[in-house]
Amino acid sequence: MLQSEQPVHNPNVLGPFNSQCKLKNRPLTLDAANKPQFTGWKTKQFILKLNNCDNCVKMKNNDIVVIENIATSKLDGNDIIIGRKYDKLSDFF
């Protein structure tokens, strides 16, 4: 779970941010609030945008996950990342 106090408006600030997003109906979990939701996340190493095809990440345990939403927890107000893990992986070539 990632934490943030507010959306990023300055491109030099790290954390969640909102930009234009083509995805209108993004999934939520039972503990995720409808608002605020975010369309991206910026760290020192990468920028994740839900609008692009770069919303797949490789986890530390080697799982590949497609990030589908970034929302706020109803329980504690922390930011949560919602995604789906690939069950089967194979080489493309």
PDB file of N, CA and C in Angstrom:
ATOM      1  N   MET A   1       0.840  -1.162   0.000  1.00  0.00           N
ATOM      2  CA  MET A   1       0.000   0.000   0.000  1.00  0.00           C
ATOM      3  C   MET A   1       0.894   1.237   0.000  1.00  0.00           C
ATOM      4  N   LEU A   2       0.582   2.206  -0.855  1.00  0.00           N
ATOM      5  CA  LEU A   2       1.336   3.437  -0.951  1.00  0.00           C
ATOM      6  C   LEU A   2       0.581   4.547  -0.252  1.00  0.00           C
ATOM      7  N   GLN A   3       1.305   5.483   0.337  1.00  0.00           N
ATOM      8  CA  GLN A   3       0.661   6.551   1.070  1.00  0.00           C
ATOM      9  C   GLN A   3       0.931   7.889   0.414  1.00  0.00           C
ATOM     10  N   SER A   4      -0.023   8.796   0.540  1.00  0.00           N
ATOM     11  CA  SER A   4       0.128  10.144   0.033  1.00  0.00           C
ATOM     12  C   SER A   4      -0.849  11.047   0.756  1.00  0.00           C
ATOM     13  N   GLU A   5      -0.512  12.316   0.860  1.00  0.00           N
ATOM     14  CA  GLU A   5      -1.406  13.236   1.527  1.00  0.00           C
ATOM     15  C   GLU A   5      -2.381  13.889   0.561  1.00  0.00           C
ATOM     16  N   GLN A   6      -1.955  14.182  -0.676  1.00  0.00           N
ATOM     17  CA  GLN A   6      -2.829  14.826  -1.631  1.00  0.00           C
ATOM     18  C   GLN A   6      -2.345  14.547  -3.045  1.00  0.00           C
ATOM     19  N   PRO A   7      -3.194  14.794  -4.041  1.00  0.00           N
ATOM     20  CA  PRO A   7      -2.787  14.563  -5.419  1.00  0.00           C
ATOM     21  C   PRO A   7      -1.623  15.467  -5.807  1.00  0.00           C
ATOM     22  N   VAL A   8      -0.840  15.002  -6.746  1.00  0.00           N
ATOM     23  CA  VAL A   8       0.292  15.777  -7.218  1.00  0.00           C
ATOM     24  C   VAL A   8      -0.168  16.747  -8.293  1.00  0.00           C
ATOM     25  N   HIS A   9       0.159  18.016  -8.119  1.00  0.00           N
ATOM     26  CA  HIS A   9      -0.135  19.019  -9.133  1.00  0.00           C
ATOM     27  C   HIS A   9       1.151  19.534  -9.750  1.00  0.00           C
ATOM     28  N   ASN A  10       2.247  19.418  -9.045  1.00  0.00           N
ATOM     29  CA  ASN A  10       3.551  19.849  -9.508  1.00  0.00           C
ATOM     30  C   ASN A  10       4.280  18.638 -10.082  1.00  0.00           C
ATOM     31  N   PRO A  11       4.794  18.718 -11.317  1.00  0.00           N
ATOM     32  CA  PRO A  11       5.452  17.544 -11.907  1.00  0.00           C
ATOM     33  C   PRO A  11       6.704  17.100 -11.161  1.00  0.00           C
ATOM     34  N   ASN A  12       7.245  17.931 -10.274  1.00  0.00           N
ATOM     35  CA  ASN A  12       8.430  17.566  -9.508  1.00  0.00           C
ATOM     36  C   ASN A  12       8.096  16.843  -8.209  1.00  0.00           C
ATOM     37  N   VAL A  13       6.817  16.749  -7.862  1.00  0.00           N
ATOM     38  CA  VAL A  13       6.386  16.127  -6.614  1.00  0.00           C
ATOM     39  C   VAL A  13       6.054  14.658  -6.872  1.00  0.00           C
ATOM     40  N   LEU A  14       6.419  13.805  -5.923  1.00  0.00           N
ATOM     41  CA  LEU A  14       6.180  12.371  -6.059  1.00  0.00           C
ATOM     42  C   LEU A  14       4.842  11.989  -5.447  1.00  0.00           C
ATOM     43  N   GLY A  15       4.228  10.916  -5.958  1.00  0.00           N
ATOM     44  CA  GLY A  15       2.975  10.412  -5.423  1.00  0.00           C
ATOM     45  C   GLY A  15       1.895  10.352  -6.482  1.00  0.00           C
ATOM     46  N   PRO A  16       0.636  10.247  -6.057  1.00  0.00           N
ATOM     47  CA  PRO A  16      -0.462  10.115  -7.024  1.00  0.00           C
ATOM     48  C   PRO A  16      -0.746  11.441  -7.721  1.00  0.00           C
ATOM     49  N   PHE A  17      -1.269  11.342  -8.947  1.00  0.00           N
ATOM     50  CA  PHE A  17      -1.656  12.545  -9.678  1.00  0.00           C
ATOM     51  C   PHE A  17      -2.827  12.224 -10.589  1.00  0.00           C
ATOM     52  N   ASN A  18      -3.474  13.252 -11.071  1.00  0.00           N
ATOM     53  CA  ASN A  18      -4.568  13.101 -12.023  1.00  0.00           C
ATOM     54  C   ASN A  18      -4.203  13.766 -13.336  1.00  0.00           C
ATOM     55  N   SER A  19      -4.520  13.101 -14.416  1.00  0.00           N
ATOM     56  CA  SER A  19      -4.383  13.635 -15.758  1.00  0.00           C
ATOM     57  C   SER A  19      -5.549  13.079 -16.556  1.00  0.00           C
ATOM     58  N   GLN A  20      -5.644  13.425 -17.811  1.00  0.00           N
ATOM     59  CA  GLN A  20      -6.746  12.894 -18.611  1.00  0.00           C
ATOM     60  C   GLN A  20      -6.662  11.381 -18.659  1.00  0.00           C
ATOM     61  N   CYS A  21      -7.809  10.756 -18.543  1.00  0.00           N
ATOM     62  CA  CYS A  21      -7.846   9.290 -18.545  1.00  0.00           C
ATOM     63  C   CYS A  21      -9.026   8.827 -19.379  1.00  0.00           C
ATOM     64  N   LYS A  22      -8.767   7.950 -20.335  1.00  0.00           N
ATOM     65  CA  LYS A  22      -9.823   7.404 -21.193  1.00  0.00           C
ATOM     66  C   LYS A  22     -10.668   6.369 -20.465  1.00  0.00           C
ATOM     67  N   LEU A  23     -10.118   5.799 -19.397  1.00  0.00           N
ATOM     68  CA  LEU A  23     -10.818   4.746 -18.666  1.00  0.00           C
ATOM     69  C   LEU A  23     -11.849   5.371 -17.733  1.00  0.00           C
ATOM     70  N   LYS A  24     -13.115   5.250 -18.069  1.00  0.00           N
ATOM     71  CA  LYS A  24     -14.174   5.872 -17.266  1.00  0.00           C
ATOM     72  C   LYS A  24     -14.594   4.995 -16.090  1.00  0.00           C
ATOM     73  N   ASN A  25     -14.701   3.693 -16.306  1.00  0.00           N
ATOM     74  CA  ASN A  25     -15.142   2.764 -15.264  1.00  0.00           C
ATOM     75  C   ASN A  25     -13.965   1.932 -14.788  1.00  0.00           C
ATOM     76  N   ARG A  26     -13.293   2.448 -13.778  1.00  0.00           N
ATOM     77  CA  ARG A  26     -12.152   1.725 -13.228  1.00  0.00           C
ATOM     78  C   ARG A  26     -12.606   0.925 -12.013  1.00  0.00           C
ATOM     79  N   PRO A  27     -12.076  -0.288 -11.824  1.00  0.00           N
ATOM     80  CA  PRO A  27     -12.532  -1.144 -10.722  1.00  0.00           C
ATOM     81  C   PRO A  27     -12.154  -0.594  -9.355  1.00  0.00           C
ATOM     82  N   LEU A  28     -12.976  -0.930  -8.369  1.00  0.00           N
ATOM     83  CA  LEU A  28     -12.725  -0.585  -6.970  1.00  0.00           C
ATOM     84  C   LEU A  28     -12.835  -1.842  -6.131  1.00  0.00           C
ATOM     85  N   THR A  29     -12.181  -1.854  -4.992  1.00  0.00           N
ATOM     86  CA  THR A  29     -12.350  -2.934  -4.032  1.00  0.00           C
ATOM     87  C   THR A  29     -13.387  -2.499  -3.003  1.00  0.00           C
ATOM     88  N   LEU A  30     -13.789  -3.406  -2.124  1.00  0.00           N
ATOM     89  CA  LEU A  30     -14.792  -3.071  -1.116  1.00  0.00           C
ATOM     90  C   LEU A  30     -14.321  -1.981  -0.158  1.00  0.00           C
ATOM     91  N   ASP A  31     -13.021  -1.934   0.106  1.00  0.00           N
ATOM     92  CA  ASP A  31     -12.519  -0.917   1.039  1.00  0.00           C
ATOM     93  C   ASP A  31     -12.035   0.353   0.336  1.00  0.00           C
ATOM     94  N   ALA A  32     -12.243   0.473  -0.977  1.00  0.00           N
ATOM     95  CA  ALA A  32     -11.804   1.655  -1.725  1.00  0.00           C
ATOM     96  C   ALA A  32     -12.938   2.655  -1.858  1.00  0.00           C
ATOM     97  N   ALA A  33     -12.621   3.912  -1.596  1.00  0.00           N
ATOM     98  CA  ALA A  33     -13.604   4.989  -1.735  1.00  0.00           C
ATOM     99  C   ALA A  33     -13.738   5.368  -3.205  1.00  0.00           C
ATOM    100  N   ASN A  34     -14.924   5.825  -3.586  1.00  0.00           N
ATOM    101  CA  ASN A  34     -15.166   6.249  -4.955  1.00  0.00           C
ATOM    102  C   ASN A  34     -14.337   7.482  -5.306  1.00  0.00           C
ATOM    103  N   LYS A  35     -14.084   8.348  -4.336  1.00  0.00           N
ATOM    104  CA  LYS A  35     -13.275   9.551  -4.562  1.00  0.00           C
ATOM    105  C   LYS A  35     -12.381   9.772  -3.357  1.00  0.00           C
ATOM    106  N   PRO A  36     -11.173  10.250  -3.511  1.00  0.00           N
ATOM    107  CA  PRO A  36     -10.537  10.531  -4.787  1.00  0.00           C
ATOM    108  C   PRO A  36      -9.941   9.272  -5.415  1.00  0.00           C
ATOM    109  N   GLN A  37      -9.928   9.269  -6.738  1.00  0.00           N
ATOM    110  CA  GLN A  37      -9.227   8.263  -7.517  1.00  0.00           C
ATOM    111  C   GLN A  37      -8.188   9.012  -8.340  1.00  0.00           C
ATOM    112  N   PHE A  38      -7.123   8.323  -8.703  1.00  0.00           N
ATOM    113  CA  PHE A  38      -6.030   8.953  -9.416  1.00  0.00           C
ATOM    114  C   PHE A  38      -5.753   8.205 -10.711  1.00  0.00           C
ATOM    115  N   THR A  39      -5.118   8.882 -11.671  1.00  0.00           N
ATOM    116  CA  THR A  39      -4.829   8.278 -12.960  1.00  0.00           C
ATOM    117  C   THR A  39      -3.356   7.969 -13.144  1.00  0.00           C
ATOM    118  N   GLY A  40      -2.540   8.259 -12.142  1.00  0.00           N
ATOM    119  CA  GLY A  40      -1.120   7.965 -12.254  1.00  0.00           C
ATOM    120  C   GLY A  40      -0.414   8.045 -10.920  1.00  0.00           C
ATOM    121  N   TRP A  41       0.853   7.606 -10.943  1.00  0.00           N
ATOM    122  CA  TRP A  41       1.690   7.624  -9.748  1.00  0.00           C
ATOM    123  C   TRP A  41       3.116   7.887 -10.188  1.00  0.00           C
ATOM    124  N   LYS A  42       3.788   8.788  -9.506  1.00  0.00           N
ATOM    125  CA  LYS A  42       5.164   9.126  -9.853  1.00  0.00           C
ATOM    126  C   LYS A  42       6.088   8.793  -8.694  1.00  0.00           C
ATOM    127  N   THR A  43       7.159   8.075  -9.004  1.00  0.00           N
ATOM    128  CA  THR A  43       8.226   7.806  -8.042  1.00  0.00           C
ATOM    129  C   THR A  43       9.525   8.325  -8.642  1.00  0.00           C
ATOM    130  N   LYS A  44      10.618   8.182  -7.904  1.00  0.00           N
ATOM    131  CA  LYS A  44      11.921   8.585  -8.445  1.00  0.00           C
ATOM    132  C   LYS A  44      12.360   7.670  -9.582  1.00  0.00           C
ATOM    133  N   GLN A  45      11.870   6.414  -9.588  1.00  0.00           N
ATOM    134  CA  GLN A  45      12.284   5.434 -10.583  1.00  0.00           C
ATOM    135  C   GLN A  45      11.371   5.369 -11.809  1.00  0.00           C
ATOM    136  N   PHE A  46      10.083   5.695 -11.681  1.00  0.00           N
ATOM    137  CA  PHE A  46       9.161   5.522 -12.798  1.00  0.00           C
ATOM    138  C   PHE A  46       7.924   6.399 -12.636  1.00  0.00           C
ATOM    139  N   ILE A  47       7.180   6.503 -13.740  1.00  0.00           N
ATOM    140  CA  ILE A  47       5.869   7.144 -13.736  1.00  0.00           C
ATOM    141  C   ILE A  47       4.880   6.127 -14.302  1.00  0.00           C
ATOM    142  N   LEU A  48       3.824   5.866 -13.577  1.00  0.00           N
ATOM    143  CA  LEU A  48       2.779   4.937 -13.985  1.00  0.00           C
ATOM    144  C   LEU A  48       1.562   5.755 -14.398  1.00  0.00           C
ATOM    145  N   LYS A  49       1.058   5.519 -15.617  1.00  0.00           N
ATOM    146  CA  LYS A  49      -0.140   6.220 -16.087  1.00  0.00           C
ATOM    147  C   LYS A  49      -1.154   5.176 -16.538  1.00  0.00           C
ATOM    148  N   LEU A  50      -2.363   5.264 -16.032  1.00  0.00           N
ATOM    149  CA  LEU A  50      -3.392   4.296 -16.392  1.00  0.00           C
ATOM    150  C   LEU A  50      -3.835   4.446 -17.829  1.00  0.00           C
ATOM    151  N   ASN A  51      -3.652   5.593 -18.416  1.00  0.00           N
ATOM    152  CA  ASN A  51      -4.083   5.863 -19.779  1.00  0.00           C
ATOM    153  C   ASN A  51      -3.227   5.159 -20.820  1.00  0.00           C
ATOM    154  N   ASN A  52      -2.001   4.868 -20.492  1.00  0.00           N
ATOM    155  CA  ASN A  52      -1.052   4.323 -21.453  1.00  0.00           C
ATOM    156  C   ASN A  52      -0.935   2.813 -21.317  1.00  0.00           C
ATOM    157  N   CYS A  53      -0.141   2.240 -22.196  1.00  0.00           N
ATOM    158  CA  CYS A  53       0.094   0.795 -22.123  1.00  0.00           C
ATOM    159  C   CYS A  53       1.233   0.483 -21.161  1.00  0.00           C
ATOM    160  N   ASP A  54       1.719   1.483 -20.417  1.00  0.00           N
ATOM    161  CA  ASP A  54       2.802   1.239 -19.476  1.00  0.00           C
ATOM    162  C   ASP A  54       2.286   1.034 -18.058  1.00  0.00           C
ATOM    163  N   ASN A  55       1.082   0.480 -17.937  1.00  0.00           N
ATOM    164  CA  ASN A  55       0.518   0.269 -16.613  1.00  0.00           C
ATOM    165  C   ASN A  55       0.714  -1.164 -16.120  1.00  0.00           C
ATOM    166  N   CYS A  56       1.656  -1.888 -16.717  1.00  0.00           N
ATOM    167  CA  CYS A  56       2.040  -3.214 -16.223  1.00  0.00           C
ATOM    168  C   CYS A  56       3.310  -3.057 -15.396  1.00  0.00           C
ATOM    169  N   VAL A  57       3.347  -3.746 -14.271  1.00  0.00           N
ATOM    170  CA  VAL A  57       4.524  -3.692 -13.411  1.00  0.00           C
ATOM    171  C   VAL A  57       4.949  -5.094 -13.016  1.00  0.00           C
ATOM    172  N   LYS A  58       6.240  -5.250 -12.797  1.00  0.00           N
ATOM    173  CA  LYS A  58       6.772  -6.511 -12.294  1.00  0.00           C
ATOM    174  C   LYS A  58       7.035  -6.310 -10.812  1.00  0.00           C
ATOM    175  N   MET A  59       6.423  -7.155 -10.003  1.00  0.00           N
ATOM    176  CA  MET A  59       6.545  -7.051  -8.560  1.00  0.00           C
ATOM    177  C   MET A  59       7.854  -7.691  -8.106  1.00  0.00           C
ATOM    178  N   LYS A  60       8.230  -7.440  -6.861  1.00  0.00           N
ATOM    179  CA  LYS A  60       9.465  -8.008  -6.318  1.00  0.00           C
ATOM    180  C   LYS A  60       9.455  -9.529  -6.336  1.00  0.00           C
ATOM    181  N   ASN A  61       8.257 -10.134  -6.241  1.00  0.00           N
ATOM    182  CA  ASN A  61       8.158 -11.595  -6.260  1.00  0.00           C
ATOM    183  C   ASN A  61       8.024 -12.136  -7.686  1.00  0.00           C
ATOM    184  N   ASN A  62       8.270 -11.273  -8.707  1.00  0.00           N
ATOM    185  CA  ASN A  62       8.241 -11.596 -10.139  1.00  0.00           C
ATOM    186  C   ASN A  62       6.843 -11.714 -10.732  1.00  0.00           C
ATOM    187  N   ASP A  63       5.795 -11.442  -9.966  1.00  0.00           N
ATOM    188  CA  ASP A  63       4.452 -11.397 -10.541  1.00  0.00           C
ATOM    189  C   ASP A  63       4.348 -10.200 -11.480  1.00  0.00           C
ATOM    190  N   ILE A  64       3.586 -10.359 -12.565  1.00  0.00           N
ATOM    191  CA  ILE A  64       3.293  -9.259 -13.480  1.00  0.00           C
ATOM    192  C   ILE A  64       1.860  -8.833 -13.201  1.00  0.00           C
ATOM    193  N   VAL A  65       1.666  -7.532 -12.934  1.00  0.00           N
ATOM    194  CA  VAL A  65       0.358  -7.000 -12.545  1.00  0.00           C
ATOM    195  C   VAL A  65      -0.007  -5.845 -13.469  1.00  0.00           C
ATOM    196  N   VAL A  66      -1.254  -5.835 -13.937  1.00  0.00           N
ATOM    197  CA  VAL A  66      -1.796  -4.717 -14.699  1.00  0.00           C
ATOM    198  C   VAL A  66      -2.508  -3.812 -13.705  1.00  0.00           C
ATOM    199  N   ILE A  67      -2.031  -2.583 -13.556  1.00  0.00           N
ATOM    200  CA  ILE A  67      -2.638  -1.632 -12.638  1.00  0.00           C
ATOM    201  C   ILE A  67      -3.878  -1.042 -13.312  1.00  0.00           C
ATOM    202  N   GLU A  68      -5.035  -1.141 -12.644  1.00  0.00           N
ATOM    203  CA  GLU A  68      -6.284  -0.683 -13.227  1.00  0.00           C
ATOM    204  C   GLU A  68      -6.879   0.530 -12.531  1.00  0.00           C
ATOM    205  N   ASN A  69      -6.426   0.824 -11.313  1.00  0.00           N
ATOM    206  CA  ASN A  69      -6.949   1.982 -10.605  1.00  0.00           C
ATOM    207  C   ASN A  69      -6.024   2.329  -9.444  1.00  0.00           C
ATOM    208  N   ILE A  70      -6.054   3.591  -9.075  1.00  0.00           N
ATOM    209  CA  ILE A  70      -5.369   4.082  -7.881  1.00  0.00           C
ATOM    210  C   ILE A  70      -6.434   4.846  -7.109  1.00  0.00           C
ATOM    211  N   ALA A  71      -6.767   4.370  -5.934  1.00  0.00           N
ATOM    212  CA  ALA A  71      -7.885   4.938  -5.168  1.00  0.00           C
ATOM    213  C   ALA A  71      -7.445   5.211  -3.736  1.00  0.00           C
ATOM    214  N   THR A  72      -8.394   5.615  -2.925  1.00  0.00           N
ATOM    215  CA  THR A  72      -8.147   5.924  -1.526  1.00  0.00           C
ATOM    216  C   THR A  72      -8.924   4.942  -0.658  1.00  0.00           C
ATOM    217  N   SER A  73      -8.293   4.442   0.391  1.00  0.00           N
ATOM    218  CA  SER A  73      -8.940   3.490   1.287  1.00  0.00           C
ATOM    219  C   SER A  73      -9.974   4.190   2.153  1.00  0.00           C
ATOM    220  N   LYS A  74     -11.151   3.567   2.280  1.00  0.00           N
ATOM    221  CA  LYS A  74     -12.182   4.063   3.201  1.00  0.00           C
ATOM    222  C   LYS A  74     -11.750   3.871   4.653  1.00  0.00           C
ATOM    223  N   LEU A  75     -10.918   2.861   4.885  1.00  0.00           N
ATOM    224  CA  LEU A  75     -10.545   2.488   6.243  1.00  0.00           C
ATOM    225  C   LEU A  75      -9.569   3.456   6.891  1.00  0.00           C
ATOM    226  N   ASP A  76      -8.508   3.821   6.169  1.00  0.00           N
ATOM    227  CA  ASP A  76      -7.474   4.648   6.793  1.00  0.00           C
ATOM    228  C   ASP A  76      -7.037   5.844   5.958  1.00  0.00           C
ATOM    229  N   GLY A  77      -7.636   6.034   4.788  1.00  0.00           N
ATOM    230  CA  GLY A  77      -7.300   7.184   3.951  1.00  0.00           C
ATOM    231  C   GLY A  77      -6.019   7.035   3.154  1.00  0.00           C
ATOM    232  N   ASN A  78      -5.351   5.873   3.258  1.00  0.00           N
ATOM    233  CA  ASN A  78      -4.147   5.632   2.467  1.00  0.00           C
ATOM    234  C   ASN A  78      -4.519   5.391   1.012  1.00  0.00           C
ATOM    235  N   ASP A  79      -3.573   5.633   0.125  1.00  0.00           N
ATOM    236  CA  ASP A  79      -3.778   5.338  -1.288  1.00  0.00           C
ATOM    237  C   ASP A  79      -3.574   3.843  -1.508  1.00  0.00           C
ATOM    238  N   ILE A  80      -4.415   3.264  -2.353  1.00  0.00           N
ATOM    239  CA  ILE A  80      -4.288   1.842  -2.672  1.00  0.00           C
ATOM    240  C   ILE A  80      -4.228   1.676  -4.184  1.00  0.00           C
ATOM    241  N   ILE A  81      -3.461   0.705  -4.605  1.00  0.00           N
ATOM    242  CA  ILE A  81      -3.331   0.404  -6.027  1.00  0.00           C
ATOM    243  C   ILE A  81      -4.094  -0.881  -6.299  1.00  0.00           C
ATOM    244  N   ILE A  82      -4.963  -0.826  -7.297  1.00  0.00           N
ATOM    245  CA  ILE A  82      -5.825  -1.955  -7.633  1.00  0.00           C
ATOM    246  C   ILE A  82      -5.386  -2.490  -8.992  1.00  0.00           C
ATOM    247  N   GLY A  83      -5.146  -3.791  -9.050  1.00  0.00           N
ATOM    248  CA  GLY A  83      -4.695  -4.378 -10.303  1.00  0.00           C
ATOM    249  C   GLY A  83      -5.037  -5.854 -10.385  1.00  0.00           C
ATOM    250  N   ARG A  84      -4.666  -6.427 -11.517  1.00  0.00           N
ATOM    251  CA  ARG A  84      -4.896  -7.862 -11.755  1.00  0.00           C
ATOM    252  C   ARG A  84      -3.569  -8.524 -12.093  1.00  0.00           C
ATOM    253  N   LYS A  85      -3.337  -9.651 -11.456  1.00  0.00           N
ATOM    254  CA  LYS A  85      -2.109 -10.409 -11.666  1.00  0.00           C
ATOM    255  C   LYS A  85      -2.309 -11.417 -12.795  1.00  0.00           C
ATOM    256  N   TYR A  86      -1.312 -11.501 -13.670  1.00  0.00           N
ATOM    257  CA  TYR A  86      -1.343 -12.534 -14.708  1.00  0.00           C
ATOM    258  C   TYR A  86      -1.090 -13.884 -14.061  1.00  0.00           C
ATOM    259  N   ASP A  87      -1.934 -14.863 -14.380  1.00  0.00           N
ATOM    260  CA  ASP A  87      -1.749 -16.217 -13.840  1.00  0.00           C
ATOM    261  C   ASP A  87      -0.764 -17.029 -14.665  1.00  0.00           C
ATOM    262  N   LYS A  88      -0.781 -16.833 -15.980  1.00  0.00           N
ATOM    263  CA  LYS A  88       0.086 -17.607 -16.867  1.00  0.00           C
ATOM    264  C   LYS A  88       0.954 -16.642 -17.664  1.00  0.00           C
ATOM    265  N   LEU A  89       2.244 -16.896 -17.675  1.00  0.00           N
ATOM    266  CA  LEU A  89       3.182 -16.086 -18.420  1.00  0.00           C
ATOM    267  C   LEU A  89       3.929 -16.973 -19.402  1.00  0.00           C
ATOM    268  N   SER A  90       4.200 -16.418 -20.589  1.00  0.00           N
ATOM    269  CA  SER A  90       4.996 -17.151 -21.572  1.00  0.00           C
ATOM    270  C   SER A  90       5.800 -16.138 -22.388  1.00  0.00           C
ATOM    271  N   ASP A  91       6.872 -16.602 -22.999  1.00  0.00           N
ATOM    272  CA  ASP A  91       7.691 -15.731 -23.824  1.00  0.00           C
ATOM    273  C   ASP A  91       6.933 -15.328 -25.071  1.00  0.00           C
ATOM    274  N   PHE A  92       7.086 -14.079 -25.474  1.00  0.00           N
ATOM    275  CA  PHE A  92       6.409 -13.570 -26.660  1.00  0.00           C
ATOM    276  C   PHE A  92       7.063 -14.093 -27.927  1.00  0.00           C
ATOM    277  N   PHE A  93       8.389 -14.214 -27.919  1.00  0.00           N
ATOM    278  CA  PHE A  93       9.107 -14.680 -29.107  1.00  0.00           C
ATOM    279  C   PHE A  93       9.567 -16.100 -28.947  1.00  0.00           C
TER     280      PHE A  93
END
